[in-house]
N, C-alpha and C. Protein backbone atom coordinates (compact mmCIF):
# COMPACT_ATOMS: atom_id res chain seq x y z
N MET A 1 -21.36 -17.88 2.00
CA MET A 1 -21.26 -16.44 2.31
C MET A 1 -19.92 -16.18 2.97
N PHE A 2 -19.18 -15.19 2.45
CA PHE A 2 -17.82 -15.00 2.91
C PHE A 2 -17.71 -14.10 4.12
N PHE A 3 -18.62 -13.13 4.25
CA PHE A 3 -18.52 -12.25 5.40
C PHE A 3 -19.90 -11.74 5.80
N LYS A 4 -19.94 -11.25 7.00
CA LYS A 4 -21.18 -10.71 7.53
C LYS A 4 -20.93 -9.27 7.95
N ARG A 5 -21.65 -8.34 7.36
CA ARG A 5 -21.50 -6.94 7.70
C ARG A 5 -22.51 -6.61 8.81
N LYS A 6 -21.98 -6.29 10.00
CA LYS A 6 -22.87 -6.01 11.12
C LYS A 6 -23.62 -4.70 10.91
N ASN A 7 -22.87 -3.63 10.70
CA ASN A 7 -23.45 -2.34 10.35
C ASN A 7 -22.35 -1.48 9.78
N LYS A 8 -22.65 -0.25 9.46
CA LYS A 8 -21.69 0.59 8.75
C LYS A 8 -20.49 0.99 9.61
N THR A 9 -20.59 0.88 10.92
CA THR A 9 -19.51 1.34 11.78
C THR A 9 -18.70 0.19 12.37
N GLU A 10 -19.17 -1.02 12.25
CA GLU A 10 -18.47 -2.14 12.83
C GLU A 10 -17.66 -2.89 11.78
N GLU A 11 -16.70 -3.63 12.26
CA GLU A 11 -15.73 -4.30 11.39
C GLU A 11 -16.34 -5.48 10.64
N THR A 12 -15.94 -5.62 9.38
CA THR A 12 -16.32 -6.79 8.60
C THR A 12 -15.71 -8.05 9.22
N ILE A 13 -16.45 -9.14 9.23
CA ILE A 13 -15.92 -10.41 9.68
C ILE A 13 -15.52 -11.22 8.45
N ALA A 14 -14.24 -11.56 8.37
CA ALA A 14 -13.73 -12.29 7.20
C ALA A 14 -13.52 -13.75 7.55
N TYR A 15 -13.69 -14.61 6.56
CA TYR A 15 -13.57 -16.05 6.77
C TYR A 15 -12.58 -16.66 5.78
N GLY A 16 -12.06 -17.83 6.14
CA GLY A 16 -11.13 -18.54 5.27
C GLY A 16 -9.69 -18.10 5.50
N PRO A 17 -8.75 -18.79 4.86
CA PRO A 17 -7.34 -18.46 5.04
C PRO A 17 -6.99 -17.12 4.39
N ILE A 18 -6.05 -16.41 4.98
CA ILE A 18 -5.55 -15.18 4.38
C ILE A 18 -4.72 -15.53 3.15
N GLU A 19 -5.06 -14.93 2.02
CA GLU A 19 -4.40 -15.25 0.76
C GLU A 19 -3.45 -14.16 0.29
N TYR A 20 -3.71 -12.92 0.66
CA TYR A 20 -2.89 -11.80 0.21
C TYR A 20 -2.54 -10.87 1.36
N ILE A 21 -1.35 -10.31 1.28
CA ILE A 21 -0.97 -9.16 2.09
C ILE A 21 -1.06 -7.94 1.19
N ILE A 22 -1.73 -6.90 1.66
CA ILE A 22 -1.75 -5.62 0.94
C ILE A 22 -1.18 -4.58 1.89
N ALA A 23 0.02 -4.10 1.56
CA ALA A 23 0.74 -3.19 2.45
C ALA A 23 0.84 -1.81 1.84
N GLY A 24 0.41 -0.82 2.59
CA GLY A 24 0.61 0.57 2.20
C GLY A 24 1.76 1.12 3.03
N LEU A 25 2.72 1.77 2.38
CA LEU A 25 3.91 2.23 3.08
C LEU A 25 3.78 3.69 3.52
N GLY A 26 4.43 3.99 4.64
CA GLY A 26 4.43 5.35 5.15
C GLY A 26 5.14 5.43 6.48
N ASN A 27 5.00 6.55 7.14
CA ASN A 27 5.59 6.77 8.46
C ASN A 27 4.48 7.01 9.47
N PRO A 28 4.57 6.41 10.66
CA PRO A 28 3.51 6.59 11.66
C PRO A 28 3.60 7.94 12.35
N GLY A 29 2.48 8.38 12.88
CA GLY A 29 2.46 9.61 13.67
C GLY A 29 1.83 10.78 12.94
N ARG A 30 1.28 11.69 13.72
CA ARG A 30 0.56 12.84 13.15
C ARG A 30 1.47 13.75 12.33
N ASP A 31 2.74 13.79 12.69
CA ASP A 31 3.65 14.67 11.96
C ASP A 31 3.77 14.30 10.49
N TYR A 32 3.45 13.05 10.16
CA TYR A 32 3.62 12.57 8.79
C TYR A 32 2.31 12.43 8.01
N GLU A 33 1.19 12.76 8.65
CA GLU A 33 -0.09 12.62 7.97
C GLU A 33 -0.17 13.51 6.74
N LYS A 34 -0.67 12.95 5.67
CA LYS A 34 -0.85 13.67 4.39
C LYS A 34 0.45 14.22 3.81
N THR A 35 1.58 13.63 4.22
CA THR A 35 2.83 13.96 3.54
C THR A 35 2.95 13.07 2.30
N ARG A 36 3.77 13.49 1.38
CA ARG A 36 3.90 12.75 0.11
C ARG A 36 4.37 11.31 0.34
N HIS A 37 5.25 11.13 1.30
CA HIS A 37 5.80 9.80 1.57
C HIS A 37 4.76 8.86 2.17
N ASN A 38 3.62 9.42 2.58
CA ASN A 38 2.57 8.61 3.21
C ASN A 38 1.42 8.30 2.26
N ALA A 39 1.66 8.40 0.97
CA ALA A 39 0.61 8.06 0.00
C ALA A 39 0.15 6.62 0.18
N GLY A 40 1.07 5.73 0.54
CA GLY A 40 0.71 4.33 0.76
C GLY A 40 -0.22 4.16 1.96
N PHE A 41 0.06 4.89 3.04
CA PHE A 41 -0.83 4.86 4.21
C PHE A 41 -2.21 5.40 3.85
N MET A 42 -2.24 6.47 3.06
CA MET A 42 -3.52 7.06 2.64
C MET A 42 -4.34 6.04 1.86
N PHE A 43 -3.65 5.29 0.98
CA PHE A 43 -4.33 4.24 0.24
C PHE A 43 -4.86 3.16 1.19
N ALA A 44 -4.02 2.71 2.13
CA ALA A 44 -4.42 1.63 3.04
C ALA A 44 -5.64 2.05 3.86
N ASP A 45 -5.66 3.29 4.32
CA ASP A 45 -6.81 3.76 5.09
C ASP A 45 -8.08 3.78 4.23
N ALA A 46 -7.92 4.21 2.98
CA ALA A 46 -9.08 4.24 2.07
C ALA A 46 -9.57 2.83 1.78
N LEU A 47 -8.64 1.90 1.63
CA LEU A 47 -9.01 0.50 1.35
C LEU A 47 -9.75 -0.10 2.53
N ALA A 48 -9.25 0.15 3.74
CA ALA A 48 -9.93 -0.36 4.93
C ALA A 48 -11.33 0.22 5.06
N GLU A 49 -11.46 1.50 4.82
CA GLU A 49 -12.78 2.14 4.91
C GLU A 49 -13.74 1.56 3.88
N LYS A 50 -13.25 1.35 2.68
CA LYS A 50 -14.11 0.82 1.62
C LYS A 50 -14.64 -0.56 1.96
N HIS A 51 -13.84 -1.36 2.64
CA HIS A 51 -14.23 -2.74 2.93
C HIS A 51 -14.64 -2.94 4.39
N ASN A 52 -14.94 -1.81 5.06
CA ASN A 52 -15.47 -1.88 6.42
C ASN A 52 -14.54 -2.63 7.37
N ALA A 53 -13.24 -2.44 7.16
CA ALA A 53 -12.23 -3.07 8.02
C ALA A 53 -11.65 -2.01 8.96
N VAL A 54 -11.10 -2.45 10.07
CA VAL A 54 -10.58 -1.53 11.08
C VAL A 54 -9.13 -1.87 11.39
N PHE A 55 -8.24 -0.90 11.23
CA PHE A 55 -6.84 -1.11 11.58
C PHE A 55 -6.66 -1.14 13.09
N LYS A 56 -5.86 -2.13 13.54
CA LYS A 56 -5.55 -2.25 14.96
C LYS A 56 -4.06 -2.58 15.11
N PRO A 57 -3.45 -2.20 16.23
CA PRO A 57 -2.06 -2.59 16.47
C PRO A 57 -1.94 -4.11 16.53
N SER A 58 -0.80 -4.64 16.05
CA SER A 58 -0.58 -6.08 16.06
C SER A 58 0.80 -6.39 16.63
N LYS A 59 1.07 -7.67 16.75
CA LYS A 59 2.37 -8.11 17.27
C LYS A 59 3.46 -8.02 16.21
N PHE A 60 3.13 -7.59 15.01
CA PHE A 60 4.07 -7.61 13.89
C PHE A 60 4.73 -6.26 13.61
N LYS A 61 4.74 -5.34 14.58
CA LYS A 61 5.27 -4.00 14.36
C LYS A 61 4.52 -3.30 13.23
N ALA A 62 3.22 -3.54 13.20
CA ALA A 62 2.38 -2.96 12.16
C ALA A 62 0.95 -2.87 12.65
N ASP A 63 0.22 -1.91 12.11
CA ASP A 63 -1.22 -1.91 12.27
C ASP A 63 -1.79 -2.77 11.15
N THR A 64 -2.73 -3.63 11.48
CA THR A 64 -3.28 -4.55 10.49
C THR A 64 -4.80 -4.54 10.53
N ALA A 65 -5.39 -4.93 9.42
CA ALA A 65 -6.85 -5.05 9.32
C ALA A 65 -7.17 -6.26 8.45
N ASP A 66 -8.27 -6.90 8.74
CA ASP A 66 -8.70 -8.12 8.04
C ASP A 66 -9.85 -7.76 7.12
N ALA A 67 -9.73 -8.06 5.83
CA ALA A 67 -10.77 -7.64 4.89
C ALA A 67 -11.01 -8.70 3.83
N MET A 68 -12.27 -8.78 3.40
CA MET A 68 -12.62 -9.58 2.23
C MET A 68 -12.68 -8.65 1.03
N ILE A 69 -11.87 -8.93 0.01
CA ILE A 69 -11.83 -8.10 -1.18
C ILE A 69 -12.11 -8.99 -2.39
N ASN A 70 -13.22 -8.74 -3.04
CA ASN A 70 -13.62 -9.54 -4.20
C ASN A 70 -13.61 -11.04 -3.89
N GLY A 71 -14.08 -11.38 -2.70
CA GLY A 71 -14.16 -12.78 -2.29
C GLY A 71 -12.86 -13.38 -1.80
N VAL A 72 -11.82 -12.56 -1.67
CA VAL A 72 -10.50 -13.04 -1.25
C VAL A 72 -10.16 -12.42 0.11
N ARG A 73 -9.79 -13.25 1.06
CA ARG A 73 -9.43 -12.73 2.38
C ARG A 73 -8.01 -12.16 2.33
N CYS A 74 -7.87 -10.92 2.78
CA CYS A 74 -6.59 -10.22 2.74
C CYS A 74 -6.28 -9.62 4.11
N ILE A 75 -5.01 -9.49 4.41
CA ILE A 75 -4.60 -8.74 5.58
C ILE A 75 -4.00 -7.43 5.09
N LEU A 76 -4.58 -6.33 5.54
CA LEU A 76 -4.09 -5.00 5.19
C LEU A 76 -3.05 -4.58 6.23
N VAL A 77 -1.98 -3.97 5.76
CA VAL A 77 -0.84 -3.72 6.63
C VAL A 77 -0.34 -2.28 6.47
N LYS A 78 -0.12 -1.63 7.62
CA LYS A 78 0.60 -0.36 7.66
C LYS A 78 1.79 -0.55 8.62
N PRO A 79 3.00 -0.76 8.10
CA PRO A 79 4.15 -0.96 8.97
C PRO A 79 4.36 0.25 9.88
N MET A 80 4.65 -0.02 11.15
CA MET A 80 4.90 1.04 12.12
C MET A 80 6.39 1.21 12.41
N THR A 81 7.21 0.66 11.55
CA THR A 81 8.67 0.66 11.75
C THR A 81 9.35 1.86 11.08
N TYR A 82 8.58 2.78 10.55
CA TYR A 82 9.05 3.87 9.70
C TYR A 82 9.48 3.30 8.35
N MET A 83 9.44 4.17 7.37
CA MET A 83 9.58 3.75 5.98
C MET A 83 10.80 2.86 5.73
N ASN A 84 11.96 3.29 6.22
CA ASN A 84 13.20 2.60 5.85
C ASN A 84 13.28 1.17 6.37
N ASN A 85 12.42 0.80 7.32
CA ASN A 85 12.42 -0.57 7.86
C ASN A 85 11.10 -1.29 7.60
N SER A 86 10.42 -0.89 6.55
CA SER A 86 9.10 -1.47 6.24
C SER A 86 9.14 -2.98 6.09
N GLY A 87 10.26 -3.51 5.59
CA GLY A 87 10.36 -4.94 5.32
C GLY A 87 10.29 -5.82 6.54
N GLU A 88 10.65 -5.29 7.71
CA GLU A 88 10.63 -6.11 8.92
C GLU A 88 9.23 -6.62 9.22
N ALA A 89 8.27 -5.71 9.23
CA ALA A 89 6.89 -6.10 9.53
C ALA A 89 6.32 -7.00 8.44
N ILE A 90 6.57 -6.65 7.19
CA ILE A 90 6.00 -7.43 6.09
C ILE A 90 6.59 -8.83 6.06
N ARG A 91 7.87 -8.97 6.34
CA ARG A 91 8.49 -10.30 6.42
C ARG A 91 7.84 -11.14 7.50
N ASP A 92 7.66 -10.57 8.69
CA ASP A 92 7.10 -11.33 9.80
C ASP A 92 5.67 -11.77 9.51
N ILE A 93 4.89 -10.90 8.90
CA ILE A 93 3.51 -11.25 8.57
C ILE A 93 3.48 -12.32 7.48
N ALA A 94 4.33 -12.16 6.47
CA ALA A 94 4.38 -13.15 5.38
C ALA A 94 4.79 -14.52 5.92
N ASN A 95 5.75 -14.54 6.82
CA ASN A 95 6.19 -15.81 7.40
C ASN A 95 5.09 -16.45 8.25
N PHE A 96 4.41 -15.63 9.03
CA PHE A 96 3.38 -16.14 9.94
C PHE A 96 2.22 -16.76 9.16
N TYR A 97 1.78 -16.08 8.10
CA TYR A 97 0.63 -16.56 7.33
C TYR A 97 1.04 -17.39 6.11
N LYS A 98 2.35 -17.59 5.96
CA LYS A 98 2.87 -18.39 4.84
C LYS A 98 2.41 -17.83 3.49
N ILE A 99 2.61 -16.54 3.32
CA ILE A 99 2.23 -15.84 2.09
C ILE A 99 3.49 -15.66 1.23
N PRO A 100 3.50 -16.16 -0.01
CA PRO A 100 4.67 -16.00 -0.88
C PRO A 100 4.77 -14.56 -1.39
N PRO A 101 5.97 -14.13 -1.80
CA PRO A 101 6.13 -12.76 -2.30
C PRO A 101 5.16 -12.40 -3.41
N GLU A 102 4.80 -13.36 -4.25
CA GLU A 102 3.90 -13.09 -5.37
C GLU A 102 2.51 -12.64 -4.92
N LYS A 103 2.21 -12.86 -3.62
CA LYS A 103 0.91 -12.45 -3.09
C LYS A 103 1.06 -11.37 -2.01
N VAL A 104 2.15 -10.64 -2.10
CA VAL A 104 2.36 -9.47 -1.26
C VAL A 104 2.28 -8.24 -2.16
N ILE A 105 1.21 -7.48 -2.06
CA ILE A 105 1.03 -6.30 -2.88
C ILE A 105 1.42 -5.07 -2.07
N VAL A 106 2.34 -4.27 -2.61
CA VAL A 106 2.85 -3.10 -1.88
C VAL A 106 2.45 -1.83 -2.62
N VAL A 107 1.93 -0.87 -1.89
CA VAL A 107 1.49 0.40 -2.45
C VAL A 107 2.32 1.52 -1.83
N TYR A 108 2.89 2.36 -2.68
CA TYR A 108 3.82 3.38 -2.16
C TYR A 108 3.95 4.55 -3.11
N ASP A 109 4.59 5.61 -2.63
CA ASP A 109 4.80 6.83 -3.40
C ASP A 109 5.98 6.68 -4.34
N ASP A 110 5.93 7.41 -5.46
CA ASP A 110 7.00 7.35 -6.45
C ASP A 110 7.25 8.75 -7.01
N THR A 111 8.46 9.25 -6.79
CA THR A 111 8.81 10.58 -7.29
C THR A 111 9.12 10.58 -8.78
N ALA A 112 9.27 9.40 -9.38
CA ALA A 112 9.56 9.31 -10.81
C ALA A 112 8.30 9.46 -11.65
N LEU A 113 7.14 9.44 -11.01
CA LEU A 113 5.87 9.59 -11.72
C LEU A 113 5.26 10.95 -11.42
N PRO A 114 4.64 11.57 -12.41
CA PRO A 114 3.94 12.84 -12.16
C PRO A 114 2.86 12.65 -11.11
N THR A 115 2.57 13.69 -10.38
CA THR A 115 1.56 13.63 -9.33
C THR A 115 0.23 13.14 -9.89
N GLY A 116 -0.31 12.10 -9.25
CA GLY A 116 -1.60 11.55 -9.64
C GLY A 116 -1.55 10.44 -10.66
N LYS A 117 -0.35 10.13 -11.17
CA LYS A 117 -0.23 9.02 -12.10
C LYS A 117 -0.09 7.71 -11.33
N LEU A 118 -0.59 6.64 -11.92
CA LEU A 118 -0.56 5.32 -11.27
C LEU A 118 0.21 4.35 -12.15
N ARG A 119 1.04 3.53 -11.52
CA ARG A 119 1.75 2.51 -12.27
C ARG A 119 1.73 1.20 -11.48
N ILE A 120 1.39 0.12 -12.16
CA ILE A 120 1.32 -1.20 -11.54
C ILE A 120 2.39 -2.08 -12.17
N ARG A 121 3.12 -2.79 -11.33
CA ARG A 121 4.17 -3.69 -11.80
C ARG A 121 4.06 -5.03 -11.08
N ARG A 122 4.40 -6.09 -11.80
CA ARG A 122 4.37 -7.43 -11.21
C ARG A 122 5.57 -7.67 -10.29
N LYS A 123 6.69 -7.03 -10.59
CA LYS A 123 7.93 -7.21 -9.82
C LYS A 123 8.86 -6.08 -10.21
N GLY A 124 10.08 -6.06 -9.64
CA GLY A 124 11.04 -5.05 -10.07
C GLY A 124 12.03 -4.69 -8.99
N SER A 125 12.91 -3.77 -9.33
CA SER A 125 13.94 -3.30 -8.41
C SER A 125 13.34 -2.30 -7.43
N ASP A 126 14.18 -1.80 -6.51
CA ASP A 126 13.66 -0.84 -5.53
C ASP A 126 13.51 0.56 -6.11
N GLY A 127 14.15 0.84 -7.23
CA GLY A 127 14.02 2.15 -7.85
C GLY A 127 14.46 3.30 -6.97
N GLY A 128 15.33 3.00 -6.00
CA GLY A 128 15.81 4.04 -5.10
C GLY A 128 14.88 4.33 -3.94
N HIS A 129 13.80 3.57 -3.81
CA HIS A 129 12.84 3.78 -2.72
C HIS A 129 13.26 2.92 -1.53
N ASN A 130 13.54 3.57 -0.38
CA ASN A 130 14.09 2.84 0.76
C ASN A 130 13.11 1.84 1.36
N GLY A 131 11.82 2.13 1.29
CA GLY A 131 10.84 1.17 1.80
C GLY A 131 10.84 -0.10 0.99
N ILE A 132 10.89 0.03 -0.33
CA ILE A 132 10.94 -1.14 -1.21
C ILE A 132 12.26 -1.87 -1.06
N LYS A 133 13.32 -1.12 -0.88
CA LYS A 133 14.63 -1.74 -0.66
C LYS A 133 14.61 -2.63 0.57
N SER A 134 13.98 -2.17 1.63
CA SER A 134 13.87 -2.95 2.87
C SER A 134 13.03 -4.20 2.65
N ILE A 135 11.94 -4.08 1.90
CA ILE A 135 11.08 -5.25 1.66
C ILE A 135 11.82 -6.29 0.82
N ILE A 136 12.50 -5.86 -0.21
CA ILE A 136 13.28 -6.80 -1.03
C ILE A 136 14.31 -7.53 -0.18
N TYR A 137 14.97 -6.79 0.70
CA TYR A 137 16.00 -7.39 1.55
C TYR A 137 15.38 -8.43 2.51
N HIS A 138 14.29 -8.08 3.16
CA HIS A 138 13.73 -8.97 4.18
C HIS A 138 12.94 -10.13 3.58
N LEU A 139 12.35 -9.94 2.41
CA LEU A 139 11.67 -11.06 1.75
C LEU A 139 12.65 -11.89 0.93
N ASN A 140 13.85 -11.34 0.73
CA ASN A 140 14.86 -11.98 -0.13
C ASN A 140 14.29 -12.23 -1.52
N SER A 141 13.51 -11.25 -1.99
CA SER A 141 12.86 -11.40 -3.29
C SER A 141 12.36 -10.03 -3.77
N ASP A 142 12.39 -9.84 -5.07
CA ASP A 142 11.76 -8.65 -5.66
C ASP A 142 10.54 -9.04 -6.49
N GLN A 143 10.05 -10.26 -6.27
CA GLN A 143 8.97 -10.82 -7.07
C GLN A 143 7.60 -10.51 -6.48
N PHE A 144 7.43 -9.33 -5.91
CA PHE A 144 6.13 -8.98 -5.37
C PHE A 144 5.52 -7.84 -6.19
N PRO A 145 4.21 -7.91 -6.46
CA PRO A 145 3.55 -6.85 -7.22
C PRO A 145 3.48 -5.56 -6.42
N ARG A 146 3.44 -4.46 -7.15
CA ARG A 146 3.37 -3.18 -6.47
C ARG A 146 2.54 -2.18 -7.26
N ILE A 147 1.96 -1.24 -6.51
CA ILE A 147 1.24 -0.12 -7.10
C ILE A 147 1.98 1.15 -6.70
N LYS A 148 2.42 1.89 -7.70
CA LYS A 148 3.15 3.13 -7.44
C LYS A 148 2.20 4.32 -7.64
N ILE A 149 2.18 5.19 -6.64
CA ILE A 149 1.37 6.40 -6.70
C ILE A 149 2.30 7.57 -6.96
N GLY A 150 2.14 8.22 -8.09
CA GLY A 150 3.02 9.31 -8.45
C GLY A 150 2.83 10.53 -7.56
N ILE A 151 3.94 11.02 -7.01
CA ILE A 151 3.88 12.24 -6.18
C ILE A 151 4.67 13.38 -6.81
N GLY A 152 5.19 13.15 -8.01
CA GLY A 152 5.94 14.19 -8.69
C GLY A 152 7.37 14.31 -8.19
N SER A 153 8.19 14.96 -8.97
CA SER A 153 9.60 15.14 -8.61
C SER A 153 9.78 16.40 -7.77
N LYS A 154 10.90 16.49 -7.09
CA LYS A 154 11.19 17.68 -6.28
C LYS A 154 11.25 18.91 -7.18
N PRO A 155 10.88 20.07 -6.64
CA PRO A 155 10.71 21.26 -7.48
C PRO A 155 11.98 21.81 -8.10
N HIS A 156 13.13 21.45 -7.56
CA HIS A 156 14.40 21.97 -8.08
C HIS A 156 15.48 20.92 -7.81
N PRO A 157 16.44 20.75 -8.71
CA PRO A 157 17.48 19.74 -8.50
C PRO A 157 18.23 19.88 -7.18
N ASP A 158 18.35 21.11 -6.69
CA ASP A 158 19.07 21.33 -5.44
C ASP A 158 18.20 21.13 -4.20
N PHE A 159 16.92 20.93 -4.41
CA PHE A 159 15.99 20.74 -3.28
C PHE A 159 16.25 19.38 -2.65
N ASP A 160 16.30 19.31 -1.34
CA ASP A 160 16.57 18.04 -0.64
C ASP A 160 15.40 17.07 -0.83
N LEU A 161 15.70 15.86 -1.31
CA LEU A 161 14.65 14.89 -1.59
C LEU A 161 13.88 14.51 -0.32
N LYS A 162 14.60 14.35 0.78
CA LYS A 162 13.93 13.99 2.04
C LYS A 162 12.93 15.06 2.44
N ASP A 163 13.33 16.32 2.32
CA ASP A 163 12.42 17.41 2.67
C ASP A 163 11.19 17.39 1.76
N TYR A 164 11.42 17.05 0.50
CA TYR A 164 10.30 17.03 -0.45
C TYR A 164 9.29 15.94 -0.11
N VAL A 165 9.77 14.71 0.07
CA VAL A 165 8.83 13.60 0.30
C VAL A 165 8.14 13.70 1.66
N LEU A 166 8.77 14.42 2.60
CA LEU A 166 8.16 14.58 3.92
C LEU A 166 7.34 15.86 4.02
N SER A 167 7.16 16.54 2.91
CA SER A 167 6.31 17.74 2.90
C SER A 167 4.86 17.34 2.67
N VAL A 168 3.96 18.19 3.13
CA VAL A 168 2.52 17.91 3.05
C VAL A 168 2.01 18.19 1.64
N PHE A 169 1.11 17.35 1.17
CA PHE A 169 0.46 17.58 -0.11
C PHE A 169 -0.23 18.94 -0.12
N THR A 170 -0.10 19.65 -1.21
CA THR A 170 -0.87 20.87 -1.37
C THR A 170 -2.31 20.50 -1.73
N LYS A 171 -3.19 21.49 -1.67
CA LYS A 171 -4.58 21.26 -2.05
C LYS A 171 -4.66 20.81 -3.50
N GLU A 172 -3.84 21.42 -4.35
CA GLU A 172 -3.82 21.06 -5.77
C GLU A 172 -3.34 19.63 -5.97
N ASP A 173 -2.32 19.24 -5.19
CA ASP A 173 -1.82 17.87 -5.26
C ASP A 173 -2.91 16.87 -4.88
N LEU A 174 -3.62 17.15 -3.80
CA LEU A 174 -4.65 16.23 -3.32
C LEU A 174 -5.76 16.04 -4.35
N GLU A 175 -6.03 17.07 -5.12
CA GLU A 175 -7.05 16.95 -6.17
C GLU A 175 -6.64 15.95 -7.24
N LEU A 176 -5.34 15.66 -7.32
CA LEU A 176 -4.84 14.65 -8.25
C LEU A 176 -4.61 13.31 -7.56
N ILE A 177 -4.17 13.36 -6.31
CA ILE A 177 -3.83 12.14 -5.57
C ILE A 177 -5.06 11.33 -5.19
N LEU A 178 -6.11 11.99 -4.74
CA LEU A 178 -7.30 11.25 -4.27
C LEU A 178 -7.96 10.45 -5.39
N PRO A 179 -8.12 10.99 -6.60
CA PRO A 179 -8.63 10.14 -7.69
C PRO A 179 -7.68 9.00 -8.05
N CYS A 180 -6.38 9.25 -7.89
CA CYS A 180 -5.39 8.20 -8.14
C CYS A 180 -5.56 7.05 -7.15
N ILE A 181 -5.80 7.38 -5.90
CA ILE A 181 -6.05 6.36 -4.88
C ILE A 181 -7.32 5.60 -5.20
N ASP A 182 -8.34 6.29 -5.68
CA ASP A 182 -9.58 5.61 -6.08
C ASP A 182 -9.32 4.58 -7.18
N ARG A 183 -8.46 4.93 -8.14
CA ARG A 183 -8.14 3.98 -9.21
C ARG A 183 -7.36 2.80 -8.66
N ALA A 184 -6.49 3.06 -7.69
CA ALA A 184 -5.73 1.98 -7.06
C ALA A 184 -6.67 1.02 -6.31
N LEU A 185 -7.71 1.56 -5.70
CA LEU A 185 -8.69 0.71 -5.01
C LEU A 185 -9.39 -0.22 -6.00
N GLU A 186 -9.70 0.30 -7.16
CA GLU A 186 -10.32 -0.53 -8.19
C GLU A 186 -9.35 -1.58 -8.70
N ALA A 187 -8.09 -1.19 -8.86
CA ALA A 187 -7.08 -2.13 -9.35
C ALA A 187 -6.88 -3.30 -8.40
N ILE A 188 -6.94 -3.03 -7.11
CA ILE A 188 -6.76 -4.09 -6.11
C ILE A 188 -7.80 -5.18 -6.27
N ASN A 189 -9.01 -4.81 -6.61
CA ASN A 189 -10.07 -5.81 -6.81
C ASN A 189 -9.68 -6.85 -7.86
N ILE A 190 -8.96 -6.40 -8.87
CA ILE A 190 -8.51 -7.30 -9.93
C ILE A 190 -7.24 -8.05 -9.50
N MET A 191 -6.33 -7.35 -8.86
CA MET A 191 -5.03 -7.94 -8.51
C MET A 191 -5.17 -9.13 -7.57
N VAL A 192 -6.14 -9.08 -6.66
CA VAL A 192 -6.28 -10.20 -5.71
C VAL A 192 -6.87 -11.44 -6.36
N THR A 193 -7.34 -11.31 -7.59
CA THR A 193 -7.78 -12.49 -8.33
C THR A 193 -6.62 -13.11 -9.10
N GLY A 194 -5.47 -12.46 -9.08
CA GLY A 194 -4.28 -12.96 -9.77
C GLY A 194 -4.07 -12.39 -11.15
N ASP A 195 -5.01 -11.57 -11.62
CA ASP A 195 -4.90 -11.03 -12.98
C ASP A 195 -4.18 -9.68 -12.97
N ILE A 196 -2.89 -9.72 -12.69
CA ILE A 196 -2.10 -8.48 -12.61
C ILE A 196 -2.04 -7.81 -13.98
N ASP A 197 -1.94 -8.60 -15.04
CA ASP A 197 -1.83 -8.02 -16.37
C ASP A 197 -3.04 -7.15 -16.71
N MET A 198 -4.22 -7.62 -16.34
CA MET A 198 -5.42 -6.83 -16.61
C MET A 198 -5.39 -5.52 -15.81
N ALA A 199 -4.97 -5.61 -14.54
CA ALA A 199 -4.89 -4.41 -13.71
C ALA A 199 -3.88 -3.43 -14.29
N MET A 200 -2.76 -3.94 -14.78
CA MET A 200 -1.74 -3.09 -15.37
C MET A 200 -2.28 -2.36 -16.60
N SER A 201 -2.95 -3.10 -17.48
CA SER A 201 -3.41 -2.50 -18.74
C SER A 201 -4.57 -1.54 -18.50
N LYS A 202 -5.37 -1.78 -17.48
CA LYS A 202 -6.57 -0.96 -17.25
C LYS A 202 -6.30 0.27 -16.41
N TYR A 203 -5.36 0.18 -15.46
CA TYR A 203 -5.22 1.26 -14.49
C TYR A 203 -3.88 1.98 -14.49
N SER A 204 -2.87 1.42 -15.11
CA SER A 204 -1.58 2.13 -15.18
C SER A 204 -1.72 3.33 -16.10
N GLY A 205 -1.21 4.46 -15.66
CA GLY A 205 -1.26 5.63 -16.51
C GLY A 205 -1.78 6.83 -15.78
């Protein structure tokens, strides 16, 4: 038996070595809640809730939670370093638990995808995303799988990108984003077994 669920409000107890890091990217603080740039945090919170895990502050400049996902022990991570320095916390956690980049799954917002679209990749460049750029730099690798949550492009070419990603989701946006997060939760169940290709073919789109 891998874990014992005490009750619906208490934290799951996970056993065995941590095999995966699952990091949702975003910015800490109430000012950034439900902003487009915090799609990764929204995913991480949903994942923790689904698996009866509780985020707590840690020594790694991140809030972390311990969860069993499809029989695999994972550490869920929300970096508290702000988006542009996300790699600092993820590097320290990966080093501490001796987790290779191939088992660091990162979930984040992507303006290149229409709102509510999901894309899964085994590896890749930063694509202009500063959080991913920081992770690649600190892990010294781009060989980590990622789930991209589409937040749509800015409404006009002259619109400031920073203002756009830090704006709050509209009600209409959330009607697309929340089902997208649900699909990402399902994809994670497959990804932690190592079958990224299946997750890509089943949930990307």
